[in-house]
Amino acid sequence: MKTAAAIILLSLLGVAIWAQSPAPIIEKTLNAPPTSLGIDVHEIGTGSAQNENWKSDSGSRDRDYYRTKGLLVNLRNVSRRDTGDCTATIIWFGKKLVEGELTVAHYETQPLAVGAISNVELKFWCPIVAANETQYAALGQKYAAGSKLNGWLVIIARDGRNLAARGSSPSQEQLAREPDRLTKLIAECKSTGTATAGMPQWRKSEERKKWEGGDKYYERKRVP
């Protein structure tokens, strides 16, 4: 009897403790900021231009290329709590014309907060990305420098944890789950300028001035 009574008493104590303990846990959960956000990213345009520096009747030529791309980012918070202080990182990737290697053509991070049960819309245009091709028809040789745009990645994070990520392709999106590799690519970025809400004007861009000024960063290499 004593054993049975002890078991019943312990059971009742357990129920009483359980009945009291969930309240703080539930309250903490309900008051916690969201751990994820809905995200949609759409390309809203691609800008391109070219400038022919010189050409010959034999087919030789020297030509510069300028490219940009715009993104419209829509974030959705369905939680009854706001996100708190977050960051939005926008990365535009490039592909080197000669080596074919993936690079970061431009990136930037800005503060962000999404209110409870609300949407936030962001618009970004990549600064001008420049490239050059020089062809010597008589020699059968071609030289190139710079990169062409090769996709993008948007990451929304808070306290070092990703709340949302969207890339232009599965391979770009995978980089959001490879922070070491992404950090290395960003560290090698040599972009100039900042993203703008409207399409940048390539004729007035600092990137074009830098390119035409003969910066050593744009050293031409022979195309195999």
N, C-alpha and C. Protein backbone atom coordinates (compact mmCIF):
# COMPACT_ATOMS: atom_id res chain seq x y z
N MET A 1 0.81 -1.20 0.00
CA MET A 1 0.00 0.00 0.00
C MET A 1 0.85 1.26 0.00
N LYS A 2 1.91 1.22 0.86
CA LYS A 2 2.78 2.38 0.93
C LYS A 2 3.43 2.66 -0.42
N THR A 3 3.83 1.57 -1.10
CA THR A 3 4.46 1.72 -2.42
C THR A 3 3.48 2.33 -3.42
N ALA A 4 2.27 1.83 -3.41
CA ALA A 4 1.25 2.34 -4.33
C ALA A 4 0.95 3.80 -4.05
N ALA A 5 0.87 4.14 -2.75
CA ALA A 5 0.60 5.54 -2.38
C ALA A 5 1.72 6.46 -2.82
N ALA A 6 2.95 5.96 -2.68
CA ALA A 6 4.11 6.76 -3.09
C ALA A 6 4.09 7.01 -4.58
N ILE A 7 3.72 5.98 -5.32
CA ILE A 7 3.67 6.13 -6.78
C ILE A 7 2.61 7.14 -7.17
N ILE A 8 1.44 7.06 -6.51
CA ILE A 8 0.35 8.00 -6.82
C ILE A 8 0.77 9.43 -6.49
N LEU A 9 1.44 9.58 -5.31
CA LEU A 9 1.89 10.91 -4.89
C LEU A 9 2.89 11.50 -5.87
N LEU A 10 3.86 10.70 -6.30
CA LEU A 10 4.85 11.17 -7.28
C LEU A 10 4.19 11.54 -8.60
N SER A 11 3.19 10.75 -9.00
CA SER A 11 2.47 11.03 -10.25
C SER A 11 1.75 12.36 -10.16
N LEU A 12 1.09 12.59 -9.01
CA LEU A 12 0.38 13.85 -8.83
C LEU A 12 1.33 15.04 -8.82
N LEU A 13 2.49 14.86 -8.17
CA LEU A 13 3.49 15.92 -8.16
C LEU A 13 3.99 16.22 -9.57
N GLY A 14 4.19 15.13 -10.34
CA GLY A 14 4.66 15.30 -11.72
C GLY A 14 3.66 16.07 -12.55
N VAL A 15 2.37 15.74 -12.38
CA VAL A 15 1.33 16.45 -13.12
C VAL A 15 1.29 17.91 -12.74
N ALA A 16 1.43 18.17 -11.43
CA ALA A 16 1.40 19.56 -10.96
C ALA A 16 2.57 20.37 -11.52
N ILE A 17 3.75 19.76 -11.50
CA ILE A 17 4.94 20.44 -12.05
C ILE A 17 4.78 20.69 -13.53
N TRP A 18 4.29 19.66 -14.23
CA TRP A 18 4.11 19.79 -15.69
C TRP A 18 3.10 20.87 -16.02
N ALA A 19 2.03 20.93 -15.19
CA ALA A 19 0.98 21.90 -15.44
C ALA A 19 1.49 23.33 -15.29
N GLN A 20 2.50 23.54 -14.45
CA GLN A 20 3.01 24.88 -14.23
C GLN A 20 4.15 25.26 -15.18
N SER A 21 4.96 24.27 -15.56
CA SER A 21 6.17 24.57 -16.32
C SER A 21 5.95 24.98 -17.77
N PRO A 22 4.94 24.49 -18.52
CA PRO A 22 4.84 24.85 -19.92
C PRO A 22 4.58 26.33 -20.17
N ALA A 23 3.95 27.02 -19.19
CA ALA A 23 3.57 28.42 -19.43
C ALA A 23 4.74 29.29 -19.85
N PRO A 24 5.85 29.31 -19.07
CA PRO A 24 7.00 30.14 -19.50
C PRO A 24 7.56 29.70 -20.84
N ILE A 25 7.55 28.38 -21.08
CA ILE A 25 8.09 27.88 -22.34
C ILE A 25 7.23 28.33 -23.51
N ILE A 26 5.91 28.20 -23.35
CA ILE A 26 4.99 28.61 -24.42
C ILE A 26 5.10 30.11 -24.66
N GLU A 27 5.17 30.88 -23.55
CA GLU A 27 5.27 32.33 -23.69
C GLU A 27 6.56 32.73 -24.40
N LYS A 28 7.65 32.06 -24.04
CA LYS A 28 8.94 32.35 -24.68
C LYS A 28 8.89 32.02 -26.16
N THR A 29 8.24 30.91 -26.49
CA THR A 29 8.13 30.51 -27.90
C THR A 29 7.30 31.49 -28.70
N LEU A 30 6.17 31.92 -28.11
CA LEU A 30 5.28 32.85 -28.81
C LEU A 30 5.93 34.20 -29.00
N ASN A 31 6.79 34.60 -28.06
CA ASN A 31 7.42 35.91 -28.13
C ASN A 31 8.75 35.91 -28.89
N ALA A 32 9.19 34.74 -29.30
CA ALA A 32 10.46 34.65 -30.01
C ALA A 32 10.33 35.20 -31.43
N PRO A 33 11.36 35.87 -31.94
CA PRO A 33 11.31 36.36 -33.33
C PRO A 33 11.29 35.18 -34.30
N PRO A 34 10.83 35.40 -35.52
CA PRO A 34 10.75 34.29 -36.49
C PRO A 34 12.13 33.74 -36.83
N THR A 35 12.16 32.45 -37.11
CA THR A 35 13.42 31.78 -37.48
C THR A 35 13.56 31.61 -38.98
N SER A 36 12.55 32.05 -39.73
CA SER A 36 12.62 31.96 -41.19
C SER A 36 11.71 33.01 -41.79
N LEU A 37 11.97 33.35 -43.05
CA LEU A 37 11.16 34.30 -43.79
C LEU A 37 10.84 33.74 -45.16
N GLY A 38 9.71 34.11 -45.71
CA GLY A 38 9.42 33.78 -47.10
C GLY A 38 10.17 34.75 -48.00
N ILE A 39 10.69 34.26 -49.10
CA ILE A 39 11.47 35.13 -49.98
C ILE A 39 11.20 34.81 -51.45
N ASP A 40 11.00 35.85 -52.23
CA ASP A 40 10.89 35.74 -53.69
C ASP A 40 11.84 36.77 -54.30
N VAL A 41 12.59 36.36 -55.30
CA VAL A 41 13.51 37.27 -55.99
C VAL A 41 13.25 37.17 -57.48
N HIS A 42 13.07 38.31 -58.13
CA HIS A 42 12.82 38.33 -59.57
C HIS A 42 13.81 39.28 -60.24
N GLU A 43 14.30 38.87 -61.39
CA GLU A 43 15.13 39.76 -62.20
C GLU A 43 14.20 40.75 -62.90
N ILE A 44 14.48 42.03 -62.73
CA ILE A 44 13.61 43.06 -63.30
C ILE A 44 14.23 43.72 -64.53
N GLY A 45 15.39 43.23 -64.94
CA GLY A 45 15.99 43.80 -66.14
C GLY A 45 17.47 43.52 -66.23
N THR A 46 17.96 43.55 -67.44
CA THR A 46 19.40 43.39 -67.69
C THR A 46 19.84 44.53 -68.60
N GLY A 47 20.86 45.23 -68.18
CA GLY A 47 21.39 46.32 -69.00
C GLY A 47 22.72 45.91 -69.61
N SER A 48 22.90 46.22 -70.87
CA SER A 48 24.17 45.90 -71.54
C SER A 48 24.48 46.97 -72.57
N ALA A 49 25.77 47.21 -72.75
CA ALA A 49 26.23 48.18 -73.74
C ALA A 49 27.63 47.79 -74.16
N GLN A 50 28.07 48.30 -75.27
CA GLN A 50 29.42 48.03 -75.72
C GLN A 50 30.00 49.26 -76.39
N ASN A 51 31.31 49.33 -76.34
CA ASN A 51 32.01 50.46 -76.94
C ASN A 51 33.17 49.93 -77.77
N GLU A 52 33.16 50.21 -79.06
CA GLU A 52 34.23 49.74 -79.95
C GLU A 52 35.35 50.76 -79.96
N ASN A 53 36.48 50.38 -79.40
CA ASN A 53 37.60 51.30 -79.31
C ASN A 53 38.27 51.51 -80.66
N TRP A 54 38.45 50.41 -81.41
CA TRP A 54 38.98 50.50 -82.76
C TRP A 54 38.71 49.21 -83.51
N LYS A 55 38.74 49.26 -84.83
CA LYS A 55 38.60 48.08 -85.66
C LYS A 55 39.31 48.33 -86.98
N SER A 56 39.62 47.24 -87.66
CA SER A 56 40.32 47.35 -88.95
C SER A 56 39.53 46.61 -90.01
N ASP A 57 39.89 46.87 -91.26
CA ASP A 57 39.21 46.21 -92.38
C ASP A 57 39.49 44.71 -92.41
N SER A 58 40.59 44.31 -91.78
CA SER A 58 40.95 42.89 -91.79
C SER A 58 40.17 42.07 -90.76
N GLY A 59 39.40 42.76 -89.90
CA GLY A 59 38.61 42.04 -88.90
C GLY A 59 39.12 42.17 -87.49
N SER A 60 40.25 42.84 -87.32
CA SER A 60 40.76 43.06 -85.97
C SER A 60 39.90 44.12 -85.27
N ARG A 61 39.80 44.01 -83.96
CA ARG A 61 38.99 45.00 -83.22
C ARG A 61 39.32 44.95 -81.74
N ASP A 62 38.96 46.03 -81.08
CA ASP A 62 39.09 46.12 -79.63
C ASP A 62 37.76 46.67 -79.11
N ARG A 63 37.11 45.89 -78.22
CA ARG A 63 35.75 46.25 -77.80
C ARG A 63 35.59 46.07 -76.29
N ASP A 64 34.92 47.03 -75.66
CA ASP A 64 34.58 46.96 -74.24
C ASP A 64 33.11 46.58 -74.10
N TYR A 65 32.81 45.82 -73.05
CA TYR A 65 31.43 45.41 -72.76
C TYR A 65 31.06 45.85 -71.35
N TYR A 66 29.83 46.33 -71.18
CA TYR A 66 29.36 46.78 -69.88
C TYR A 66 28.01 46.11 -69.60
N ARG A 67 27.89 45.52 -68.39
CA ARG A 67 26.66 44.79 -68.07
C ARG A 67 26.20 45.12 -66.65
N THR A 68 24.88 45.05 -66.46
CA THR A 68 24.28 45.23 -65.15
C THR A 68 23.00 44.41 -65.09
N LYS A 69 22.51 44.17 -63.89
CA LYS A 69 21.27 43.41 -63.72
C LYS A 69 20.54 43.92 -62.48
N GLY A 70 19.20 43.94 -62.58
CA GLY A 70 18.38 44.42 -61.47
C GLY A 70 17.61 43.28 -60.80
N LEU A 71 17.42 43.39 -59.49
CA LEU A 71 16.69 42.39 -58.72
C LEU A 71 15.61 43.05 -57.88
N LEU A 72 14.45 42.39 -57.82
CA LEU A 72 13.36 42.81 -56.94
C LEU A 72 13.19 41.72 -55.89
N VAL A 73 13.42 42.06 -54.63
CA VAL A 73 13.37 41.10 -53.53
C VAL A 73 12.13 41.36 -52.68
N ASN A 74 11.32 40.33 -52.48
CA ASN A 74 10.13 40.46 -51.64
C ASN A 74 10.26 39.50 -50.45
N LEU A 75 10.18 40.04 -49.25
CA LEU A 75 10.30 39.25 -48.03
C LEU A 75 8.96 39.22 -47.30
N ARG A 76 8.58 38.04 -46.79
CA ARG A 76 7.31 37.87 -46.10
C ARG A 76 7.55 37.33 -44.68
N ASN A 77 7.00 38.03 -43.72
CA ASN A 77 7.05 37.58 -42.33
C ASN A 77 5.63 37.26 -41.89
N VAL A 78 5.32 35.98 -41.69
CA VAL A 78 3.97 35.57 -41.28
C VAL A 78 3.85 35.45 -39.77
N SER A 79 4.94 35.72 -39.07
CA SER A 79 4.94 35.65 -37.60
C SER A 79 4.27 36.88 -37.00
N ARG A 80 3.80 36.72 -35.76
CA ARG A 80 3.21 37.85 -35.04
C ARG A 80 4.27 38.68 -34.34
N ARG A 81 5.53 38.34 -34.56
CA ARG A 81 6.64 39.11 -34.04
C ARG A 81 7.49 39.64 -35.18
N ASP A 82 8.08 40.82 -34.97
CA ASP A 82 8.97 41.35 -36.00
C ASP A 82 10.29 40.58 -35.97
N THR A 83 11.07 40.76 -36.99
CA THR A 83 12.32 39.98 -37.12
C THR A 83 13.43 40.50 -36.24
N GLY A 84 13.33 41.74 -35.77
CA GLY A 84 14.46 42.35 -35.10
C GLY A 84 15.48 42.79 -36.13
N ASP A 85 16.66 43.14 -35.68
CA ASP A 85 17.70 43.65 -36.58
C ASP A 85 18.28 42.51 -37.41
N CYS A 86 18.14 42.63 -38.72
CA CYS A 86 18.67 41.64 -39.66
C CYS A 86 19.58 42.33 -40.67
N THR A 87 20.17 41.56 -41.55
CA THR A 87 20.96 42.09 -42.65
C THR A 87 20.52 41.44 -43.95
N ALA A 88 20.56 42.22 -45.01
CA ALA A 88 20.31 41.70 -46.35
C ALA A 88 21.61 41.81 -47.14
N THR A 89 22.11 40.66 -47.60
CA THR A 89 23.34 40.64 -48.39
C THR A 89 22.99 40.25 -49.82
N ILE A 90 23.35 41.10 -50.76
CA ILE A 90 23.08 40.86 -52.18
C ILE A 90 24.41 40.64 -52.88
N ILE A 91 24.53 39.53 -53.58
CA ILE A 91 25.79 39.17 -54.23
C ILE A 91 25.52 38.91 -55.70
N TRP A 92 26.29 39.59 -56.56
CA TRP A 92 26.25 39.31 -58.00
C TRP A 92 27.54 38.60 -58.37
N PHE A 93 27.41 37.46 -59.02
CA PHE A 93 28.58 36.68 -59.40
C PHE A 93 29.02 37.01 -60.83
N GLY A 94 30.30 36.82 -61.07
CA GLY A 94 30.86 36.98 -62.40
C GLY A 94 31.61 35.73 -62.81
N LYS A 95 31.91 35.64 -64.07
CA LYS A 95 32.71 34.53 -64.59
C LYS A 95 33.81 35.13 -65.44
N LYS A 96 35.07 34.87 -65.06
CA LYS A 96 36.20 35.43 -65.78
C LYS A 96 36.21 34.94 -67.22
N LEU A 97 36.43 35.87 -68.13
CA LEU A 97 36.37 35.52 -69.56
C LEU A 97 37.44 34.53 -69.96
N VAL A 98 38.63 34.65 -69.40
CA VAL A 98 39.74 33.79 -69.81
C VAL A 98 39.78 32.51 -68.97
N GLU A 99 39.85 32.67 -67.67
CA GLU A 99 40.01 31.50 -66.79
C GLU A 99 38.72 30.72 -66.58
N GLY A 100 37.56 31.37 -66.78
CA GLY A 100 36.29 30.70 -66.55
C GLY A 100 35.97 30.49 -65.09
N GLU A 101 36.68 31.15 -64.19
CA GLU A 101 36.47 30.97 -62.76
C GLU A 101 35.31 31.82 -62.26
N LEU A 102 34.63 31.29 -61.23
CA LEU A 102 33.54 32.03 -60.59
C LEU A 102 34.14 33.10 -59.68
N THR A 103 33.60 34.30 -59.74
CA THR A 103 34.05 35.39 -58.90
C THR A 103 32.83 36.13 -58.36
N VAL A 104 33.06 37.01 -57.41
CA VAL A 104 32.02 37.92 -56.94
C VAL A 104 32.26 39.25 -57.64
N ALA A 105 31.34 39.61 -58.53
CA ALA A 105 31.48 40.87 -59.26
C ALA A 105 31.15 42.05 -58.36
N HIS A 106 30.17 41.86 -57.50
CA HIS A 106 29.79 42.93 -56.56
C HIS A 106 28.97 42.31 -55.43
N TYR A 107 29.10 42.89 -54.24
CA TYR A 107 28.25 42.48 -53.12
C TYR A 107 28.09 43.66 -52.17
N GLU A 108 27.04 43.62 -51.40
CA GLU A 108 26.89 44.61 -50.34
C GLU A 108 25.88 44.10 -49.32
N THR A 109 26.03 44.60 -48.09
CA THR A 109 25.16 44.22 -46.99
C THR A 109 24.55 45.47 -46.38
N GLN A 110 23.26 45.41 -46.11
CA GLN A 110 22.60 46.55 -45.50
C GLN A 110 21.64 46.10 -44.40
N PRO A 111 21.39 46.95 -43.40
CA PRO A 111 20.49 46.58 -42.31
C PRO A 111 19.05 46.45 -42.80
N LEU A 112 18.30 45.62 -42.09
CA LEU A 112 16.94 45.32 -42.53
C LEU A 112 16.12 44.87 -41.33
N ALA A 113 14.83 45.17 -41.33
CA ALA A 113 13.90 44.65 -40.34
C ALA A 113 12.55 44.47 -41.01
N VAL A 114 11.89 43.36 -40.72
CA VAL A 114 10.57 43.08 -41.30
C VAL A 114 9.58 43.01 -40.15
N GLY A 115 8.55 43.84 -40.21
CA GLY A 115 7.56 43.88 -39.14
C GLY A 115 6.71 42.62 -39.07
N ALA A 116 5.95 42.50 -38.00
CA ALA A 116 5.09 41.34 -37.81
C ALA A 116 4.00 41.30 -38.89
N ILE A 117 3.78 40.11 -39.43
CA ILE A 117 2.74 39.88 -40.45
C ILE A 117 2.81 40.97 -41.52
N SER A 118 3.93 41.09 -42.17
CA SER A 118 4.10 42.13 -43.18
C SER A 118 5.09 41.70 -44.25
N ASN A 119 5.14 42.50 -45.30
CA ASN A 119 6.06 42.29 -46.42
C ASN A 119 7.01 43.47 -46.54
N VAL A 120 8.20 43.19 -47.05
CA VAL A 120 9.16 44.25 -47.37
C VAL A 120 9.67 44.00 -48.78
N GLU A 121 9.72 45.05 -49.57
CA GLU A 121 10.19 44.94 -50.96
C GLU A 121 11.47 45.75 -51.13
N LEU A 122 12.47 45.13 -51.72
CA LEU A 122 13.76 45.77 -51.95
C LEU A 122 14.10 45.70 -53.44
N LYS A 123 14.74 46.74 -53.94
CA LYS A 123 15.13 46.75 -55.36
C LYS A 123 16.60 47.13 -55.46
N PHE A 124 17.34 46.35 -56.25
CA PHE A 124 18.78 46.59 -56.39
C PHE A 124 19.20 46.42 -57.85
N TRP A 125 20.09 47.30 -58.28
CA TRP A 125 20.76 47.15 -59.58
C TRP A 125 22.25 47.01 -59.33
N CYS A 126 22.85 46.02 -59.95
CA CYS A 126 24.29 45.81 -59.80
C CYS A 126 25.07 46.95 -60.45
N PRO A 127 26.14 47.43 -59.82
CA PRO A 127 27.02 48.38 -60.51
C PRO A 127 27.55 47.78 -61.80
N ILE A 128 28.00 48.63 -62.70
CA ILE A 128 28.47 48.17 -64.00
C ILE A 128 29.62 47.17 -63.86
N VAL A 129 29.50 46.05 -64.57
CA VAL A 129 30.56 45.05 -64.66
C VAL A 129 31.15 45.14 -66.07
N ALA A 130 32.45 45.35 -66.15
CA ALA A 130 33.09 45.60 -67.44
C ALA A 130 33.96 44.44 -67.89
N ALA A 131 34.11 44.32 -69.20
CA ALA A 131 34.98 43.32 -69.80
C ALA A 131 35.52 43.87 -71.11
N ASN A 132 36.58 43.26 -71.60
CA ASN A 132 37.19 43.70 -72.85
C ASN A 132 37.63 42.51 -73.69
N GLU A 133 37.47 42.64 -74.99
CA GLU A 133 37.97 41.64 -75.93
C GLU A 133 38.74 42.34 -77.04
N THR A 134 39.94 41.85 -77.31
CA THR A 134 40.77 42.39 -78.39
C THR A 134 41.14 41.24 -79.32
N GLN A 135 40.87 41.41 -80.57
CA GLN A 135 41.11 40.35 -81.55
C GLN A 135 42.03 40.85 -82.66
N TYR A 136 43.09 40.06 -82.90
CA TYR A 136 44.02 40.38 -83.99
C TYR A 136 43.83 39.32 -85.08
N ALA A 137 43.06 39.69 -86.09
CA ALA A 137 42.65 38.72 -87.11
C ALA A 137 43.85 38.12 -87.85
N ALA A 138 44.83 38.96 -88.25
CA ALA A 138 45.97 38.48 -89.03
C ALA A 138 46.81 37.47 -88.25
N LEU A 139 46.88 37.65 -86.93
CA LEU A 139 47.68 36.77 -86.09
C LEU A 139 46.87 35.58 -85.56
N GLY A 140 45.56 35.66 -85.72
CA GLY A 140 44.71 34.60 -85.18
C GLY A 140 44.74 34.55 -83.67
N GLN A 141 44.90 35.71 -83.05
CA GLN A 141 44.99 35.77 -81.60
C GLN A 141 43.86 36.62 -81.02
N LYS A 142 43.44 36.23 -79.82
CA LYS A 142 42.38 36.94 -79.13
C LYS A 142 42.77 37.13 -77.66
N TYR A 143 42.58 38.32 -77.15
CA TYR A 143 42.89 38.63 -75.76
C TYR A 143 41.62 39.13 -75.07
N ALA A 144 41.52 38.87 -73.78
CA ALA A 144 40.33 39.28 -73.04
C ALA A 144 40.71 39.65 -71.62
N ALA A 145 39.82 40.39 -70.98
CA ALA A 145 40.00 40.77 -69.58
C ALA A 145 38.63 41.02 -68.98
N GLY A 146 38.56 40.90 -67.65
CA GLY A 146 37.30 41.17 -66.97
C GLY A 146 36.40 39.95 -66.88
N SER A 147 35.15 40.20 -66.53
CA SER A 147 34.19 39.13 -66.31
C SER A 147 32.83 39.48 -66.91
N LYS A 148 32.01 38.46 -67.06
CA LYS A 148 30.62 38.67 -67.43
C LYS A 148 29.75 38.23 -66.25
N LEU A 149 28.57 38.81 -66.11
CA LEU A 149 27.68 38.46 -65.00
C LEU A 149 27.28 37.00 -65.09
N ASN A 150 27.22 36.36 -63.92
CA ASN A 150 26.95 34.92 -63.89
C ASN A 150 26.08 34.55 -62.68
N GLY A 151 24.95 35.25 -62.52
CA GLY A 151 24.02 34.90 -61.47
C GLY A 151 24.12 35.76 -60.23
N TRP A 152 23.29 35.43 -59.23
CA TRP A 152 23.20 36.24 -58.02
C TRP A 152 22.75 35.38 -56.84
N LEU A 153 22.88 35.96 -55.65
CA LEU A 153 22.47 35.29 -54.42
C LEU A 153 22.03 36.35 -53.41
N VAL A 154 20.88 36.13 -52.78
CA VAL A 154 20.37 37.04 -51.74
C VAL A 154 20.26 36.26 -50.44
N ILE A 155 20.85 36.79 -49.37
CA ILE A 155 20.82 36.13 -48.06
C ILE A 155 20.30 37.11 -47.01
N ILE A 156 19.28 36.68 -46.27
CA ILE A 156 18.76 37.45 -45.14
C ILE A 156 19.20 36.73 -43.87
N ALA A 157 19.87 37.43 -42.97
CA ALA A 157 20.43 36.78 -41.78
C ALA A 157 20.20 37.62 -40.53
N ARG A 158 20.24 36.93 -39.38
CA ARG A 158 20.17 37.60 -38.08
C ARG A 158 21.10 36.87 -37.12
N ASP A 159 22.01 37.62 -36.53
CA ASP A 159 22.96 37.05 -35.57
C ASP A 159 23.73 35.88 -36.16
N GLY A 160 24.11 36.00 -37.43
CA GLY A 160 24.91 34.96 -38.06
C GLY A 160 24.13 33.76 -38.56
N ARG A 161 22.82 33.77 -38.42
CA ARG A 161 21.99 32.65 -38.87
C ARG A 161 21.12 33.09 -40.03
N ASN A 162 21.10 32.30 -41.10
CA ASN A 162 20.31 32.62 -42.28
C ASN A 162 18.83 32.40 -42.02
N LEU A 163 18.03 33.44 -42.29
CA LEU A 163 16.58 33.32 -42.20
C LEU A 163 15.97 32.99 -43.55
N ALA A 164 16.66 33.38 -44.62
CA ALA A 164 16.17 33.10 -45.97
C ALA A 164 17.33 33.27 -46.95
N ALA A 165 17.29 32.52 -48.02
CA ALA A 165 18.31 32.64 -49.07
C ALA A 165 17.70 32.21 -50.39
N ARG A 166 18.03 32.94 -51.44
CA ARG A 166 17.55 32.58 -52.77
C ARG A 166 18.63 32.92 -53.79
N GLY A 167 18.92 31.96 -54.68
CA GLY A 167 19.93 32.16 -55.70
C GLY A 167 19.34 32.04 -57.09
N SER A 168 20.09 32.49 -58.08
CA SER A 168 19.62 32.43 -59.46
C SER A 168 19.63 31.01 -60.01
N SER A 169 20.34 30.10 -59.33
CA SER A 169 20.40 28.70 -59.73
C SER A 169 20.71 27.87 -58.50
N PRO A 170 20.49 26.55 -58.55
CA PRO A 170 20.81 25.71 -57.39
C PRO A 170 22.28 25.82 -56.97
N SER A 171 23.18 25.96 -57.93
CA SER A 171 24.60 26.04 -57.59
C SER A 171 24.92 27.34 -56.85
N GLN A 172 24.26 28.44 -57.25
CA GLN A 172 24.47 29.71 -56.54
C GLN A 172 23.86 29.64 -55.15
N GLU A 173 22.67 29.04 -55.05
CA GLU A 173 21.99 28.94 -53.76
C GLU A 173 22.76 28.05 -52.79
N GLN A 174 23.47 27.06 -53.32
CA GLN A 174 24.26 26.16 -52.48
C GLN A 174 25.33 26.92 -51.72
N LEU A 175 25.82 28.02 -52.31
CA LEU A 175 26.87 28.80 -51.66
C LEU A 175 26.40 29.40 -50.33
N ALA A 176 25.09 29.59 -50.17
CA ALA A 176 24.57 30.08 -48.90
C ALA A 176 24.79 29.07 -47.79
N ARG A 177 24.98 27.80 -48.17
CA ARG A 177 25.23 26.74 -47.19
C ARG A 177 26.70 26.38 -47.11
N GLU A 178 27.54 27.16 -47.81
CA GLU A 178 28.99 26.96 -47.78
C GLU A 178 29.65 28.29 -47.40
N PRO A 179 29.49 28.71 -46.15
CA PRO A 179 29.98 30.04 -45.74
C PRO A 179 31.47 30.25 -45.94
N ASP A 180 32.27 29.21 -45.75
CA ASP A 180 33.72 29.37 -45.91
C ASP A 180 34.07 29.70 -47.36
N ARG A 181 33.48 28.97 -48.28
CA ARG A 181 33.75 29.22 -49.70
C ARG A 181 33.23 30.58 -50.12
N LEU A 182 32.03 30.94 -49.65
CA LEU A 182 31.44 32.23 -50.02
C LEU A 182 32.27 33.38 -49.45
N THR A 183 32.72 33.23 -48.21
CA THR A 183 33.54 34.28 -47.59
C THR A 183 34.83 34.49 -48.38
N LYS A 184 35.43 33.42 -48.86
CA LYS A 184 36.66 33.53 -49.65
C LYS A 184 36.40 34.26 -50.96
N LEU A 185 35.29 33.95 -51.63
CA LEU A 185 34.96 34.63 -52.89
C LEU A 185 34.73 36.12 -52.66
N ILE A 186 34.04 36.45 -51.57
CA ILE A 186 33.76 37.85 -51.26
C ILE A 186 35.05 38.60 -50.94
N ALA A 187 35.97 37.93 -50.23
CA ALA A 187 37.24 38.57 -49.86
C ALA A 187 38.06 38.95 -51.09
N GLU A 188 37.86 38.24 -52.19
CA GLU A 188 38.62 38.49 -53.42
C GLU A 188 37.93 39.50 -54.33
N CYS A 189 36.74 39.97 -53.93
CA CYS A 189 35.98 40.90 -54.76
C CYS A 189 36.67 42.25 -54.83
N LYS A 190 36.73 42.83 -56.03
CA LYS A 190 37.36 44.14 -56.24
C LYS A 190 36.39 45.12 -56.88
N SER A 191 35.13 44.99 -56.52
CA SER A 191 34.11 45.84 -57.11
C SER A 191 34.25 47.29 -56.69
N THR A 192 33.73 48.17 -57.50
CA THR A 192 33.64 49.58 -57.14
C THR A 192 32.19 50.01 -57.21
N GLY A 193 31.86 51.08 -56.50
CA GLY A 193 30.50 51.58 -56.56
C GLY A 193 29.58 50.83 -55.61
N THR A 194 28.30 51.21 -55.63
CA THR A 194 27.28 50.57 -54.80
C THR A 194 26.07 50.29 -55.66
N ALA A 195 25.25 49.35 -55.18
CA ALA A 195 24.02 49.04 -55.91
C ALA A 195 23.09 50.24 -55.86
N THR A 196 22.24 50.38 -56.85
CA THR A 196 21.34 51.51 -56.93
C THR A 196 19.91 51.01 -57.12
N ALA A 197 18.93 51.86 -56.79
CA ALA A 197 17.52 51.49 -56.95
C ALA A 197 17.12 51.53 -58.42
N GLY A 198 17.84 52.28 -59.25
CA GLY A 198 17.56 52.36 -60.68
C GLY A 198 18.74 51.88 -61.48
N MET A 199 18.51 51.57 -62.76
CA MET A 199 19.59 51.07 -63.62
C MET A 199 20.72 52.09 -63.72
N PRO A 200 21.96 51.68 -63.44
CA PRO A 200 23.09 52.62 -63.55
C PRO A 200 23.36 53.00 -64.99
N GLN A 201 23.85 54.21 -65.19
CA GLN A 201 24.17 54.69 -66.53
C GLN A 201 25.61 54.37 -66.86
N TRP A 202 25.81 53.46 -67.80
CA TRP A 202 27.16 52.98 -68.07
C TRP A 202 28.08 54.08 -68.59
N ARG A 203 27.55 55.07 -69.28
CA ARG A 203 28.40 56.14 -69.81
C ARG A 203 28.99 57.02 -68.70
N LYS A 204 28.34 57.02 -67.54
CA LYS A 204 28.79 57.87 -66.44
C LYS A 204 29.42 57.07 -65.31
N SER A 205 29.50 55.77 -65.46
CA SER A 205 29.91 54.93 -64.34
C SER A 205 31.39 55.07 -64.00
N GLU A 206 31.67 54.93 -62.70
CA GLU A 206 33.05 54.92 -62.24
C GLU A 206 33.77 53.69 -62.76
N GLU A 207 33.03 52.60 -62.94
CA GLU A 207 33.65 51.37 -63.43
C GLU A 207 34.20 51.57 -64.84
N ARG A 208 33.47 52.30 -65.67
CA ARG A 208 33.97 52.55 -67.02
C ARG A 208 35.21 53.44 -66.99
N LYS A 209 35.20 54.45 -66.12
CA LYS A 209 36.36 55.33 -66.00
C LYS A 209 37.58 54.54 -65.56
N LYS A 210 37.38 53.65 -64.61
CA LYS A 210 38.48 52.83 -64.11
C LYS A 210 39.00 51.93 -65.22
N TRP A 211 38.08 51.34 -65.98
CA TRP A 211 38.46 50.45 -67.07
C TRP A 211 39.27 51.19 -68.12
N GLU A 212 38.74 52.29 -68.60
CA GLU A 212 39.39 53.02 -69.68
C GLU A 212 40.65 53.74 -69.21
N GLY A 213 40.81 53.85 -67.88
CA GLY A 213 42.02 54.46 -67.35
C GLY A 213 43.21 53.51 -67.35
N GLY A 214 42.99 52.25 -67.76
CA GLY A 214 44.08 51.29 -67.88
C GLY A 214 44.50 50.69 -66.56
N ASP A 215 43.58 50.56 -65.62
CA ASP A 215 43.91 49.95 -64.33
C ASP A 215 44.52 48.57 -64.52
N LYS A 216 45.58 48.25 -63.76
CA LYS A 216 46.28 46.98 -63.92
C LYS A 216 45.40 45.78 -63.58
N TYR A 217 44.32 46.03 -62.80
CA TYR A 217 43.40 44.95 -62.47
C TYR A 217 42.81 44.33 -63.73
N TYR A 218 42.74 45.13 -64.80
CA TYR A 218 42.16 44.67 -66.04
C TYR A 218 43.23 44.22 -67.04
N GLU A 219 44.23 43.59 -66.56
CA GLU A 219 45.29 43.13 -67.45
C GLU A 219 44.73 42.11 -68.45
N ARG A 220 44.98 42.35 -69.71
CA ARG A 220 44.47 41.46 -70.74
C ARG A 220 45.28 40.18 -70.81
N LYS A 221 44.59 39.07 -71.04
CA LYS A 221 45.24 37.77 -71.17
C LYS A 221 44.80 37.12 -72.48
N ARG A 222 45.72 36.35 -73.04
CA ARG A 222 45.40 35.70 -74.30
C ARG A 222 44.41 34.56 -74.08
N VAL A 223 43.41 34.49 -74.94
CA VAL A 223 42.42 33.43 -74.89
C VAL A 223 42.96 32.20 -75.60
N PRO A 224 43.01 31.06 -74.92
CA PRO A 224 43.56 29.85 -75.56
C PRO A 224 42.80 29.47 -76.83
